[in-house]
Amino acid sequence: PIKINDALTRQMTNSGKIIKINFTPKFMYVDRPGCTYAVRHSLVELANNIWTPTVSHDGLLWRVSILTGGAYLLDRNLILWRRHGESATSMKQISKSSMLDKRYYNNLITFINPNIDFINSLLHFIKHDNLNLFEEKRNILEKELSFNVYRKKVYDERRVLGVIKLVFMYHDFYFSLRSILGEILIIWKMAFTR
């Protein structure tokens, strides 16, 4: 049998219920692997109008389906999922010394820049193609854009006060408290090891 690390598997209640995934400031975090998606042709057509080369197809479909109110989760174990070390979604351990490595910083920036491109593309599409969204969703998208632009600035300038301000202003856009603490630690270390 294949041994799967419990930390890499998603625990579900296996209730068989269908649960709507609501649009929140955390919508950018893809929470399920693309191999589990069932999508309508109309979503693919819509997503093709928004796609940018730096965004994964799984991420695009996840985000657009949540944004348009069409994302649902069937709470049932239907696949056995494991992450390989070389996959796009691998959960590699990050050492404290690797956080200070210039390559780690470059990886973070190459993650932030596509987010900025994607949100700009989404806002452009909404404005010009009249995708009907509630004002609250537009506001979240604009704030998500501001979050990523300011986050990039904080990384570029390596300012500790900047990361504190970032976390204070945009805490809702972080996946978890752990990711907030990790961001503070990274900027702190970068600021004092120039």
N, C-alpha and C. Protein backbone atom coordinates (compact mmCIF):
# COMPACT_ATOMS: atom_id res chain seq x y z
N PRO A 1 0.83 -1.20 0.00
CA PRO A 1 0.00 0.00 0.00
C PRO A 1 0.87 1.26 0.00
N ILE A 2 0.31 2.34 -0.54
CA ILE A 2 1.01 3.62 -0.59
C ILE A 2 0.84 4.33 0.74
N LYS A 3 1.94 4.78 1.31
CA LYS A 3 1.90 5.53 2.56
C LYS A 3 1.72 7.01 2.23
N ILE A 4 0.68 7.62 2.78
CA ILE A 4 0.39 9.02 2.53
C ILE A 4 0.52 9.79 3.83
N ASN A 5 1.29 10.84 3.79
CA ASN A 5 1.51 11.69 4.97
C ASN A 5 0.19 12.37 5.35
N ASP A 6 -0.24 12.22 6.59
CA ASP A 6 -1.49 12.82 7.05
C ASP A 6 -1.52 14.32 6.90
N ALA A 7 -0.34 14.96 7.01
CA ALA A 7 -0.28 16.42 6.89
C ALA A 7 -0.59 16.88 5.47
N LEU A 8 -0.48 15.98 4.51
CA LEU A 8 -0.71 16.35 3.11
C LEU A 8 -2.10 15.96 2.62
N THR A 9 -2.90 15.36 3.45
CA THR A 9 -4.24 14.96 3.02
C THR A 9 -5.27 15.89 3.62
N ARG A 10 -6.38 16.04 2.94
CA ARG A 10 -7.47 16.89 3.40
C ARG A 10 -8.49 15.99 4.09
N GLN A 11 -8.78 16.30 5.33
CA GLN A 11 -9.77 15.52 6.07
C GLN A 11 -11.17 16.06 5.77
N MET A 12 -12.07 15.18 5.44
CA MET A 12 -13.45 15.56 5.18
C MET A 12 -14.34 14.70 6.07
N THR A 13 -15.56 15.16 6.28
CA THR A 13 -16.47 14.39 7.12
C THR A 13 -17.14 13.28 6.35
N ASN A 14 -17.06 13.32 5.01
CA ASN A 14 -17.65 12.30 4.15
C ASN A 14 -19.16 12.19 4.36
N SER A 15 -19.80 13.34 4.59
CA SER A 15 -21.23 13.37 4.87
C SER A 15 -22.09 13.23 3.62
N GLY A 16 -21.51 13.48 2.46
CA GLY A 16 -22.28 13.45 1.22
C GLY A 16 -23.05 14.74 0.95
N LYS A 17 -22.91 15.72 1.84
CA LYS A 17 -23.62 16.99 1.67
C LYS A 17 -22.96 17.81 0.57
N ILE A 18 -23.76 18.66 -0.05
CA ILE A 18 -23.25 19.62 -1.02
C ILE A 18 -23.20 20.97 -0.32
N ILE A 19 -22.00 21.56 -0.30
CA ILE A 19 -21.76 22.78 0.47
C ILE A 19 -21.32 23.88 -0.48
N LYS A 20 -21.99 25.02 -0.42
CA LYS A 20 -21.62 26.17 -1.24
C LYS A 20 -20.35 26.81 -0.69
N ILE A 21 -19.42 27.12 -1.58
CA ILE A 21 -18.19 27.81 -1.19
C ILE A 21 -18.41 29.29 -1.45
N ASN A 22 -18.44 30.07 -0.39
CA ASN A 22 -18.75 31.49 -0.50
C ASN A 22 -17.52 32.32 -0.87
N PHE A 23 -17.78 33.43 -1.51
CA PHE A 23 -16.72 34.38 -1.87
C PHE A 23 -16.31 35.15 -0.62
N THR A 24 -15.04 35.08 -0.28
CA THR A 24 -14.47 35.79 0.87
C THR A 24 -13.13 36.38 0.43
N PRO A 25 -12.50 37.19 1.27
CA PRO A 25 -11.17 37.69 0.93
C PRO A 25 -10.12 36.58 0.74
N LYS A 26 -10.40 35.37 1.17
CA LYS A 26 -9.47 34.25 1.02
C LYS A 26 -9.70 33.47 -0.27
N PHE A 27 -10.51 33.99 -1.19
CA PHE A 27 -10.86 33.24 -2.41
C PHE A 27 -9.65 32.93 -3.29
N MET A 28 -8.55 33.64 -3.13
CA MET A 28 -7.36 33.41 -3.96
C MET A 28 -6.65 32.10 -3.61
N TYR A 29 -6.89 31.57 -2.40
CA TYR A 29 -6.23 30.33 -1.98
C TYR A 29 -7.01 29.13 -2.51
N VAL A 30 -6.40 28.42 -3.44
CA VAL A 30 -7.05 27.26 -4.06
C VAL A 30 -7.03 26.13 -3.03
N ASP A 31 -8.22 25.64 -2.71
CA ASP A 31 -8.38 24.71 -1.59
C ASP A 31 -8.59 23.26 -2.01
N ARG A 32 -8.66 22.99 -3.30
CA ARG A 32 -8.86 21.63 -3.79
C ARG A 32 -8.05 21.43 -5.06
N PRO A 33 -7.59 20.20 -5.31
CA PRO A 33 -6.83 19.95 -6.54
C PRO A 33 -7.76 19.94 -7.76
N GLY A 34 -7.24 20.42 -8.87
CA GLY A 34 -8.03 20.54 -10.10
C GLY A 34 -8.58 19.22 -10.61
N CYS A 35 -7.93 18.11 -10.27
CA CYS A 35 -8.42 16.81 -10.76
C CYS A 35 -9.76 16.43 -10.14
N THR A 36 -10.22 17.19 -9.15
CA THR A 36 -11.51 16.88 -8.52
C THR A 36 -12.63 17.79 -9.02
N TYR A 37 -12.33 18.71 -9.92
CA TYR A 37 -13.33 19.68 -10.38
C TYR A 37 -14.26 19.06 -11.41
N ALA A 38 -15.50 19.44 -11.33
CA ALA A 38 -16.48 19.20 -12.40
C ALA A 38 -16.99 20.59 -12.78
N VAL A 39 -16.78 20.99 -14.03
CA VAL A 39 -17.11 22.36 -14.42
C VAL A 39 -18.04 22.38 -15.63
N ARG A 40 -18.82 23.43 -15.68
CA ARG A 40 -19.70 23.65 -16.83
C ARG A 40 -18.91 24.31 -17.95
N HIS A 41 -19.34 24.05 -19.17
CA HIS A 41 -18.71 24.66 -20.34
C HIS A 41 -18.77 26.18 -20.25
N SER A 42 -19.86 26.73 -19.74
CA SER A 42 -19.99 28.18 -19.64
C SER A 42 -18.94 28.79 -18.70
N LEU A 43 -18.53 28.05 -17.66
CA LEU A 43 -17.48 28.54 -16.77
C LEU A 43 -16.14 28.56 -17.50
N VAL A 44 -15.87 27.54 -18.28
CA VAL A 44 -14.63 27.49 -19.05
C VAL A 44 -14.57 28.65 -20.03
N GLU A 45 -15.69 28.94 -20.70
CA GLU A 45 -15.73 30.07 -21.64
C GLU A 45 -15.47 31.39 -20.91
N LEU A 46 -16.09 31.56 -19.78
CA LEU A 46 -15.89 32.77 -18.98
C LEU A 46 -14.43 32.87 -18.52
N ALA A 47 -13.89 31.78 -18.01
CA ALA A 47 -12.52 31.76 -17.51
C ALA A 47 -11.52 32.06 -18.62
N ASN A 48 -11.78 31.59 -19.83
CA ASN A 48 -10.88 31.87 -20.96
C ASN A 48 -10.76 33.36 -21.24
N ASN A 49 -11.79 34.12 -20.94
CA ASN A 49 -11.75 35.57 -21.16
C ASN A 49 -10.93 36.29 -20.10
N ILE A 50 -10.66 35.63 -19.00
CA ILE A 50 -9.97 36.26 -17.87
C ILE A 50 -8.54 35.74 -17.72
N TRP A 51 -8.26 34.58 -18.25
CA TRP A 51 -6.99 33.90 -18.04
C TRP A 51 -5.79 34.76 -18.42
N THR A 52 -4.76 34.69 -17.60
CA THR A 52 -3.47 35.30 -17.90
C THR A 52 -2.43 34.17 -17.86
N PRO A 53 -1.35 34.27 -18.63
CA PRO A 53 -0.38 33.17 -18.72
C PRO A 53 0.27 32.76 -17.39
N THR A 54 0.24 33.62 -16.41
CA THR A 54 0.90 33.30 -15.14
C THR A 54 -0.03 32.63 -14.13
N VAL A 55 -1.29 32.40 -14.49
CA VAL A 55 -2.25 31.80 -13.57
C VAL A 55 -2.52 30.36 -13.99
N SER A 56 -2.48 29.45 -13.04
CA SER A 56 -2.76 28.05 -13.35
C SER A 56 -4.23 27.89 -13.72
N HIS A 57 -4.51 26.89 -14.54
CA HIS A 57 -5.89 26.64 -14.94
C HIS A 57 -6.75 26.26 -13.73
N ASP A 58 -6.18 25.45 -12.83
CA ASP A 58 -6.92 25.06 -11.62
C ASP A 58 -7.28 26.29 -10.79
N GLY A 59 -6.29 27.16 -10.59
CA GLY A 59 -6.51 28.38 -9.81
C GLY A 59 -7.54 29.28 -10.45
N LEU A 60 -7.46 29.40 -11.76
CA LEU A 60 -8.40 30.25 -12.49
C LEU A 60 -9.83 29.73 -12.32
N LEU A 61 -10.04 28.44 -12.57
CA LEU A 61 -11.39 27.88 -12.46
C LEU A 61 -11.92 27.97 -11.03
N TRP A 62 -11.06 27.71 -10.04
CA TRP A 62 -11.45 27.81 -8.63
C TRP A 62 -11.94 29.22 -8.30
N ARG A 63 -11.12 30.22 -8.65
CA ARG A 63 -11.43 31.60 -8.29
C ARG A 63 -12.64 32.15 -9.03
N VAL A 64 -12.72 31.87 -10.31
CA VAL A 64 -13.85 32.39 -11.10
C VAL A 64 -15.16 31.72 -10.67
N SER A 65 -15.12 30.44 -10.36
CA SER A 65 -16.35 29.78 -9.91
C SER A 65 -16.82 30.33 -8.57
N ILE A 66 -15.90 30.62 -7.67
CA ILE A 66 -16.27 31.22 -6.39
C ILE A 66 -16.80 32.64 -6.60
N LEU A 67 -16.11 33.39 -7.43
CA LEU A 67 -16.50 34.78 -7.70
C LEU A 67 -17.91 34.86 -8.29
N THR A 68 -18.24 33.95 -9.18
CA THR A 68 -19.55 33.98 -9.84
C THR A 68 -20.63 33.24 -9.05
N GLY A 69 -20.27 32.71 -7.89
CA GLY A 69 -21.26 32.06 -7.04
C GLY A 69 -21.61 30.64 -7.45
N GLY A 70 -20.75 30.00 -8.22
CA GLY A 70 -21.05 28.66 -8.70
C GLY A 70 -20.15 27.57 -8.16
N ALA A 71 -19.47 27.81 -7.06
CA ALA A 71 -18.57 26.80 -6.49
C ALA A 71 -19.26 26.05 -5.36
N TYR A 72 -19.27 24.73 -5.50
CA TYR A 72 -19.86 23.86 -4.49
C TYR A 72 -18.91 22.71 -4.20
N LEU A 73 -18.97 22.20 -2.99
CA LEU A 73 -18.14 21.09 -2.56
C LEU A 73 -19.04 19.90 -2.24
N LEU A 74 -18.77 18.77 -2.86
CA LEU A 74 -19.42 17.53 -2.48
C LEU A 74 -18.55 16.91 -1.40
N ASP A 75 -19.07 16.87 -0.19
CA ASP A 75 -18.30 16.38 0.96
C ASP A 75 -18.31 14.85 0.97
N ARG A 76 -17.48 14.31 0.10
CA ARG A 76 -17.35 12.86 0.01
C ARG A 76 -15.94 12.55 -0.46
N ASN A 77 -15.33 11.55 0.15
CA ASN A 77 -14.00 11.12 -0.27
C ASN A 77 -14.13 10.35 -1.58
N LEU A 78 -13.68 10.98 -2.66
CA LEU A 78 -13.81 10.36 -3.98
C LEU A 78 -12.47 10.01 -4.61
N ILE A 79 -11.39 10.60 -4.13
CA ILE A 79 -10.07 10.30 -4.67
C ILE A 79 -9.08 10.15 -3.52
N LEU A 80 -7.97 9.50 -3.83
CA LEU A 80 -6.85 9.44 -2.93
C LEU A 80 -5.84 10.43 -3.47
N TRP A 81 -5.50 11.44 -2.68
CA TRP A 81 -4.68 12.54 -3.16
C TRP A 81 -3.39 12.60 -2.37
N ARG A 82 -2.29 12.63 -3.09
CA ARG A 82 -1.02 12.87 -2.42
C ARG A 82 -0.22 13.84 -3.28
N ARG A 83 0.58 14.60 -2.61
CA ARG A 83 1.41 15.59 -3.30
C ARG A 83 2.81 15.02 -3.46
N HIS A 84 3.31 15.11 -4.66
CA HIS A 84 4.70 14.72 -4.92
C HIS A 84 5.58 15.93 -4.68
N GLY A 85 6.81 15.71 -4.29
CA GLY A 85 7.73 16.79 -3.97
C GLY A 85 7.95 17.79 -5.08
N GLU A 86 7.82 17.35 -6.33
CA GLU A 86 8.08 18.24 -7.46
C GLU A 86 6.80 18.87 -8.02
N SER A 87 5.65 18.59 -7.43
CA SER A 87 4.40 19.13 -7.97
C SER A 87 4.27 20.61 -7.64
N ALA A 88 3.37 21.28 -8.36
CA ALA A 88 3.15 22.71 -8.15
C ALA A 88 2.59 22.99 -6.76
N THR A 89 1.93 22.00 -6.17
CA THR A 89 1.31 22.21 -4.86
C THR A 89 2.06 21.50 -3.74
N SER A 90 3.31 21.13 -3.97
CA SER A 90 4.05 20.41 -2.93
C SER A 90 4.21 21.29 -1.70
N MET A 91 4.30 20.64 -0.56
CA MET A 91 4.43 21.36 0.71
C MET A 91 5.83 21.13 1.25
N LYS A 92 6.81 21.75 0.63
CA LYS A 92 8.20 21.59 1.05
C LYS A 92 8.42 22.32 2.36
N GLN A 93 9.24 21.72 3.22
CA GLN A 93 9.59 22.38 4.47
C GLN A 93 10.51 23.55 4.16
N ILE A 94 10.26 24.67 4.78
CA ILE A 94 11.07 25.87 4.57
C ILE A 94 11.91 26.10 5.81
N SER A 95 13.22 26.04 5.67
CA SER A 95 14.09 26.27 6.81
C SER A 95 14.28 27.77 7.01
N LYS A 96 14.72 28.13 8.20
CA LYS A 96 14.95 29.54 8.50
C LYS A 96 16.03 30.11 7.59
N SER A 97 17.04 29.32 7.30
CA SER A 97 18.12 29.83 6.45
C SER A 97 17.64 30.00 5.01
N SER A 98 16.74 29.12 4.55
CA SER A 98 16.25 29.27 3.17
C SER A 98 15.38 30.51 3.02
N MET A 99 14.77 30.98 4.10
CA MET A 99 13.97 32.21 4.05
C MET A 99 14.83 33.42 3.72
N LEU A 100 16.09 33.35 4.08
CA LEU A 100 16.99 34.47 3.84
C LEU A 100 17.63 34.41 2.46
N ASP A 101 17.48 33.28 1.81
CA ASP A 101 18.06 33.09 0.49
C ASP A 101 17.36 33.98 -0.53
N LYS A 102 18.12 34.61 -1.40
CA LYS A 102 17.57 35.50 -2.43
C LYS A 102 16.57 34.74 -3.32
N ARG A 103 16.81 33.44 -3.56
CA ARG A 103 15.88 32.66 -4.39
C ARG A 103 14.51 32.54 -3.74
N TYR A 104 14.48 32.43 -2.40
CA TYR A 104 13.19 32.35 -1.69
C TYR A 104 12.42 33.65 -1.88
N TYR A 105 13.11 34.76 -1.74
CA TYR A 105 12.49 36.07 -1.97
C TYR A 105 11.97 36.16 -3.40
N ASN A 106 12.77 35.75 -4.37
CA ASN A 106 12.33 35.80 -5.77
C ASN A 106 11.11 34.93 -6.01
N ASN A 107 11.04 33.78 -5.34
CA ASN A 107 9.85 32.92 -5.46
C ASN A 107 8.61 33.61 -4.93
N LEU A 108 8.75 34.31 -3.80
CA LEU A 108 7.61 35.04 -3.24
C LEU A 108 7.14 36.12 -4.20
N ILE A 109 8.08 36.86 -4.77
CA ILE A 109 7.73 37.93 -5.70
C ILE A 109 7.09 37.35 -6.95
N THR A 110 7.59 36.21 -7.42
CA THR A 110 6.98 35.62 -8.61
C THR A 110 5.60 35.03 -8.30
N PHE A 111 5.27 34.91 -7.04
CA PHE A 111 3.91 34.52 -6.65
C PHE A 111 3.01 35.75 -6.55
N ILE A 112 3.54 36.84 -6.07
CA ILE A 112 2.75 38.06 -5.90
C ILE A 112 2.43 38.71 -7.24
N ASN A 113 3.40 38.79 -8.13
CA ASN A 113 3.17 39.44 -9.43
C ASN A 113 2.04 38.80 -10.24
N PRO A 114 1.96 37.47 -10.34
CA PRO A 114 0.82 36.87 -11.05
C PRO A 114 -0.53 37.19 -10.40
N ASN A 115 -0.54 37.30 -9.07
CA ASN A 115 -1.79 37.68 -8.40
C ASN A 115 -2.22 39.07 -8.84
N ILE A 116 -1.27 39.99 -8.92
CA ILE A 116 -1.57 41.35 -9.35
C ILE A 116 -2.09 41.33 -10.78
N ASP A 117 -1.42 40.59 -11.67
CA ASP A 117 -1.86 40.49 -13.07
C ASP A 117 -3.27 39.91 -13.17
N PHE A 118 -3.51 38.83 -12.41
CA PHE A 118 -4.81 38.16 -12.47
C PHE A 118 -5.93 39.08 -11.98
N ILE A 119 -5.73 39.74 -10.87
CA ILE A 119 -6.78 40.61 -10.33
C ILE A 119 -7.03 41.80 -11.25
N ASN A 120 -5.96 42.34 -11.83
CA ASN A 120 -6.14 43.41 -12.83
C ASN A 120 -6.96 42.91 -14.02
N SER A 121 -6.66 41.70 -14.48
CA SER A 121 -7.40 41.11 -15.59
C SER A 121 -8.87 40.91 -15.22
N LEU A 122 -9.10 40.45 -14.02
CA LEU A 122 -10.46 40.23 -13.54
C LEU A 122 -11.23 41.55 -13.43
N LEU A 123 -10.61 42.56 -12.87
CA LEU A 123 -11.27 43.87 -12.74
C LEU A 123 -11.53 44.48 -14.12
N HIS A 124 -10.60 44.31 -15.04
CA HIS A 124 -10.79 44.82 -16.41
C HIS A 124 -11.98 44.12 -17.07
N PHE A 125 -12.04 42.79 -16.90
CA PHE A 125 -13.13 42.02 -17.49
C PHE A 125 -14.48 42.45 -16.90
N ILE A 126 -14.52 42.62 -15.60
CA ILE A 126 -15.77 43.03 -14.93
C ILE A 126 -16.23 44.38 -15.46
N LYS A 127 -15.30 45.30 -15.60
CA LYS A 127 -15.63 46.66 -16.05
C LYS A 127 -16.10 46.69 -17.50
N HIS A 128 -15.40 45.96 -18.37
CA HIS A 128 -15.67 46.06 -19.81
C HIS A 128 -16.66 45.04 -20.34
N ASP A 129 -16.83 43.94 -19.66
CA ASP A 129 -17.74 42.92 -20.15
C ASP A 129 -18.98 42.75 -19.28
N ASN A 130 -19.14 43.69 -18.36
CA ASN A 130 -20.36 43.76 -17.55
C ASN A 130 -20.69 42.47 -16.81
N LEU A 131 -19.70 41.87 -16.21
CA LEU A 131 -19.96 40.74 -15.34
C LEU A 131 -20.66 41.30 -14.10
N ASN A 132 -21.88 40.89 -13.88
CA ASN A 132 -22.67 41.45 -12.78
C ASN A 132 -22.19 40.89 -11.44
N LEU A 133 -21.60 41.76 -10.66
CA LEU A 133 -21.15 41.38 -9.33
C LEU A 133 -21.70 42.38 -8.33
N PHE A 134 -21.93 41.89 -7.12
CA PHE A 134 -22.32 42.81 -6.07
C PHE A 134 -21.16 43.73 -5.76
N GLU A 135 -21.48 44.93 -5.32
CA GLU A 135 -20.46 45.92 -4.98
C GLU A 135 -19.47 45.37 -3.95
N GLU A 136 -19.96 44.56 -3.03
CA GLU A 136 -19.09 43.98 -2.00
C GLU A 136 -17.98 43.14 -2.65
N LYS A 137 -18.31 42.37 -3.68
CA LYS A 137 -17.30 41.56 -4.36
C LYS A 137 -16.28 42.44 -5.08
N ARG A 138 -16.76 43.49 -5.72
CA ARG A 138 -15.84 44.42 -6.38
C ARG A 138 -14.88 45.05 -5.36
N ASN A 139 -15.43 45.43 -4.22
CA ASN A 139 -14.61 46.03 -3.17
C ASN A 139 -13.55 45.05 -2.67
N ILE A 140 -13.92 43.79 -2.51
CA ILE A 140 -12.95 42.78 -2.06
C ILE A 140 -11.87 42.60 -3.12
N LEU A 141 -12.25 42.57 -4.39
CA LEU A 141 -11.26 42.44 -5.46
C LEU A 141 -10.29 43.62 -5.48
N GLU A 142 -10.83 44.82 -5.33
CA GLU A 142 -9.97 46.01 -5.32
C GLU A 142 -9.04 46.01 -4.10
N LYS A 143 -9.56 45.55 -2.97
CA LYS A 143 -8.72 45.47 -1.78
C LYS A 143 -7.68 44.36 -1.92
N GLU A 144 -8.04 43.26 -2.58
CA GLU A 144 -7.08 42.18 -2.85
C GLU A 144 -5.94 42.70 -3.72
N LEU A 145 -6.27 43.52 -4.70
CA LEU A 145 -5.25 44.13 -5.55
C LEU A 145 -4.34 45.03 -4.71
N SER A 146 -4.94 45.88 -3.89
CA SER A 146 -4.16 46.77 -3.02
C SER A 146 -3.26 45.97 -2.08
N PHE A 147 -3.78 44.89 -1.54
CA PHE A 147 -3.01 44.00 -0.66
C PHE A 147 -1.76 43.49 -1.36
N ASN A 148 -1.93 42.97 -2.58
CA ASN A 148 -0.79 42.41 -3.30
C ASN A 148 0.21 43.48 -3.74
N VAL A 149 -0.28 44.64 -4.15
CA VAL A 149 0.62 45.73 -4.55
C VAL A 149 1.43 46.20 -3.34
N TYR A 150 0.75 46.39 -2.21
CA TYR A 150 1.46 46.84 -1.00
C TYR A 150 2.40 45.75 -0.48
N ARG A 151 1.97 44.50 -0.58
CA ARG A 151 2.80 43.38 -0.15
C ARG A 151 4.10 43.34 -0.94
N LYS A 152 4.01 43.53 -2.24
CA LYS A 152 5.21 43.57 -3.09
C LYS A 152 6.13 44.71 -2.65
N LYS A 153 5.54 45.86 -2.36
CA LYS A 153 6.32 47.02 -1.91
C LYS A 153 7.04 46.71 -0.60
N VAL A 154 6.34 46.06 0.32
CA VAL A 154 6.94 45.71 1.61
C VAL A 154 8.13 44.76 1.40
N TYR A 155 7.98 43.77 0.51
CA TYR A 155 9.08 42.86 0.23
C TYR A 155 10.24 43.58 -0.45
N ASP A 156 9.93 44.48 -1.37
CA ASP A 156 10.99 45.22 -2.06
C ASP A 156 11.77 46.11 -1.10
N GLU A 157 11.06 46.76 -0.18
CA GLU A 157 11.70 47.70 0.75
C GLU A 157 12.21 47.05 2.03
N ARG A 158 11.71 45.84 2.32
CA ARG A 158 12.14 45.08 3.51
C ARG A 158 11.98 45.87 4.80
N ARG A 159 10.81 46.47 4.96
CA ARG A 159 10.55 47.30 6.14
C ARG A 159 9.68 46.55 7.14
N VAL A 160 10.15 46.45 8.36
CA VAL A 160 9.40 45.76 9.41
C VAL A 160 8.09 46.50 9.70
N LEU A 161 8.15 47.82 9.80
CA LEU A 161 6.91 48.56 10.05
C LEU A 161 5.93 48.39 8.89
N GLY A 162 6.46 48.22 7.70
CA GLY A 162 5.61 47.99 6.54
C GLY A 162 4.83 46.69 6.64
N VAL A 163 5.47 45.62 7.12
CA VAL A 163 4.77 44.34 7.25
C VAL A 163 3.74 44.40 8.38
N ILE A 164 4.04 45.15 9.43
CA ILE A 164 3.06 45.31 10.53
C ILE A 164 1.82 46.03 9.99
N LYS A 165 2.05 47.09 9.22
CA LYS A 165 0.93 47.82 8.61
C LYS A 165 0.17 46.92 7.63
N LEU A 166 0.91 46.13 6.85
CA LEU A 166 0.29 45.21 5.89
C LEU A 166 -0.65 44.23 6.60
N VAL A 167 -0.15 43.62 7.65
CA VAL A 167 -0.94 42.64 8.40
C VAL A 167 -2.14 43.31 9.06
N PHE A 168 -1.94 44.50 9.61
CA PHE A 168 -3.03 45.21 10.27
C PHE A 168 -4.15 45.56 9.27
N MET A 169 -3.75 46.06 8.10
CA MET A 169 -4.73 46.51 7.11
C MET A 169 -5.39 45.36 6.35
N TYR A 170 -4.66 44.26 6.15
CA TYR A 170 -5.14 43.21 5.25
C TYR A 170 -5.17 41.82 5.89
N HIS A 171 -5.34 41.73 7.20
CA HIS A 171 -5.31 40.42 7.86
C HIS A 171 -6.35 39.45 7.32
N ASP A 172 -7.47 39.95 6.83
CA ASP A 172 -8.51 39.07 6.28
C ASP A 172 -8.07 38.35 5.01
N PHE A 173 -7.03 38.85 4.34
CA PHE A 173 -6.59 38.28 3.08
C PHE A 173 -5.54 37.19 3.24
N TYR A 174 -5.12 36.94 4.46
CA TYR A 174 -4.17 35.86 4.73
C TYR A 174 -4.94 34.57 4.95
N PHE A 175 -4.33 33.46 4.59
CA PHE A 175 -4.97 32.17 4.73
C PHE A 175 -5.18 31.79 6.19
N SER A 176 -4.18 32.11 7.02
CA SER A 176 -4.26 31.69 8.42
C SER A 176 -3.35 32.58 9.28
N LEU A 177 -3.48 32.43 10.57
CA LEU A 177 -2.60 33.13 11.51
C LEU A 177 -1.15 32.71 11.28
N ARG A 178 -0.95 31.45 10.98
CA ARG A 178 0.40 30.94 10.70
C ARG A 178 1.02 31.67 9.50
N SER A 179 0.24 31.93 8.46
CA SER A 179 0.79 32.62 7.30
C SER A 179 1.10 34.08 7.63
N ILE A 180 0.32 34.68 8.52
CA ILE A 180 0.62 36.04 8.97
C ILE A 180 1.95 36.06 9.73
N LEU A 181 2.10 35.14 10.67
CA LEU A 181 3.34 35.08 11.46
C LEU A 181 4.54 34.78 10.57
N GLY A 182 4.35 33.91 9.58
CA GLY A 182 5.43 33.60 8.65
C GLY A 182 5.86 34.81 7.84
N GLU A 183 4.89 35.59 7.40
CA GLU A 183 5.20 36.81 6.63
C GLU A 183 5.99 37.81 7.48
N ILE A 184 5.57 37.99 8.72
CA ILE A 184 6.28 38.90 9.62
C ILE A 184 7.71 38.41 9.83
N LEU A 185 7.87 37.12 10.07
CA LEU A 185 9.21 36.55 10.29
C LEU A 185 10.10 36.74 9.07
N ILE A 186 9.57 36.50 7.89
CA ILE A 186 10.36 36.64 6.66
C ILE A 186 10.84 38.08 6.49
N ILE A 187 9.94 39.03 6.63
CA ILE A 187 10.33 40.44 6.47
C ILE A 187 11.30 40.86 7.57
N TRP A 188 11.05 40.41 8.79
CA TRP A 188 11.94 40.73 9.90
C TRP A 188 13.36 40.25 9.59
N LYS A 189 13.48 39.01 9.15
CA LYS A 189 14.80 38.45 8.84
C LYS A 189 15.43 39.15 7.65
N MET A 190 14.63 39.47 6.65
CA MET A 190 15.17 40.17 5.47
C MET A 190 15.66 41.56 5.84
N ALA A 191 14.93 42.23 6.73
CA ALA A 191 15.27 43.60 7.11
C ALA A 191 16.60 43.68 7.86
N PHE A 192 16.90 42.65 8.64
CA PHE A 192 18.09 42.71 9.48
C PHE A 192 19.26 41.87 8.97
N THR A 193 19.15 41.39 7.74
CA THR A 193 20.25 40.60 7.16
C THR A 193 20.61 41.09 5.77
N ARG A 194 20.60 42.38 5.57
CA ARG A 194 20.90 42.92 4.23
C ARG A 194 22.34 42.71 3.87
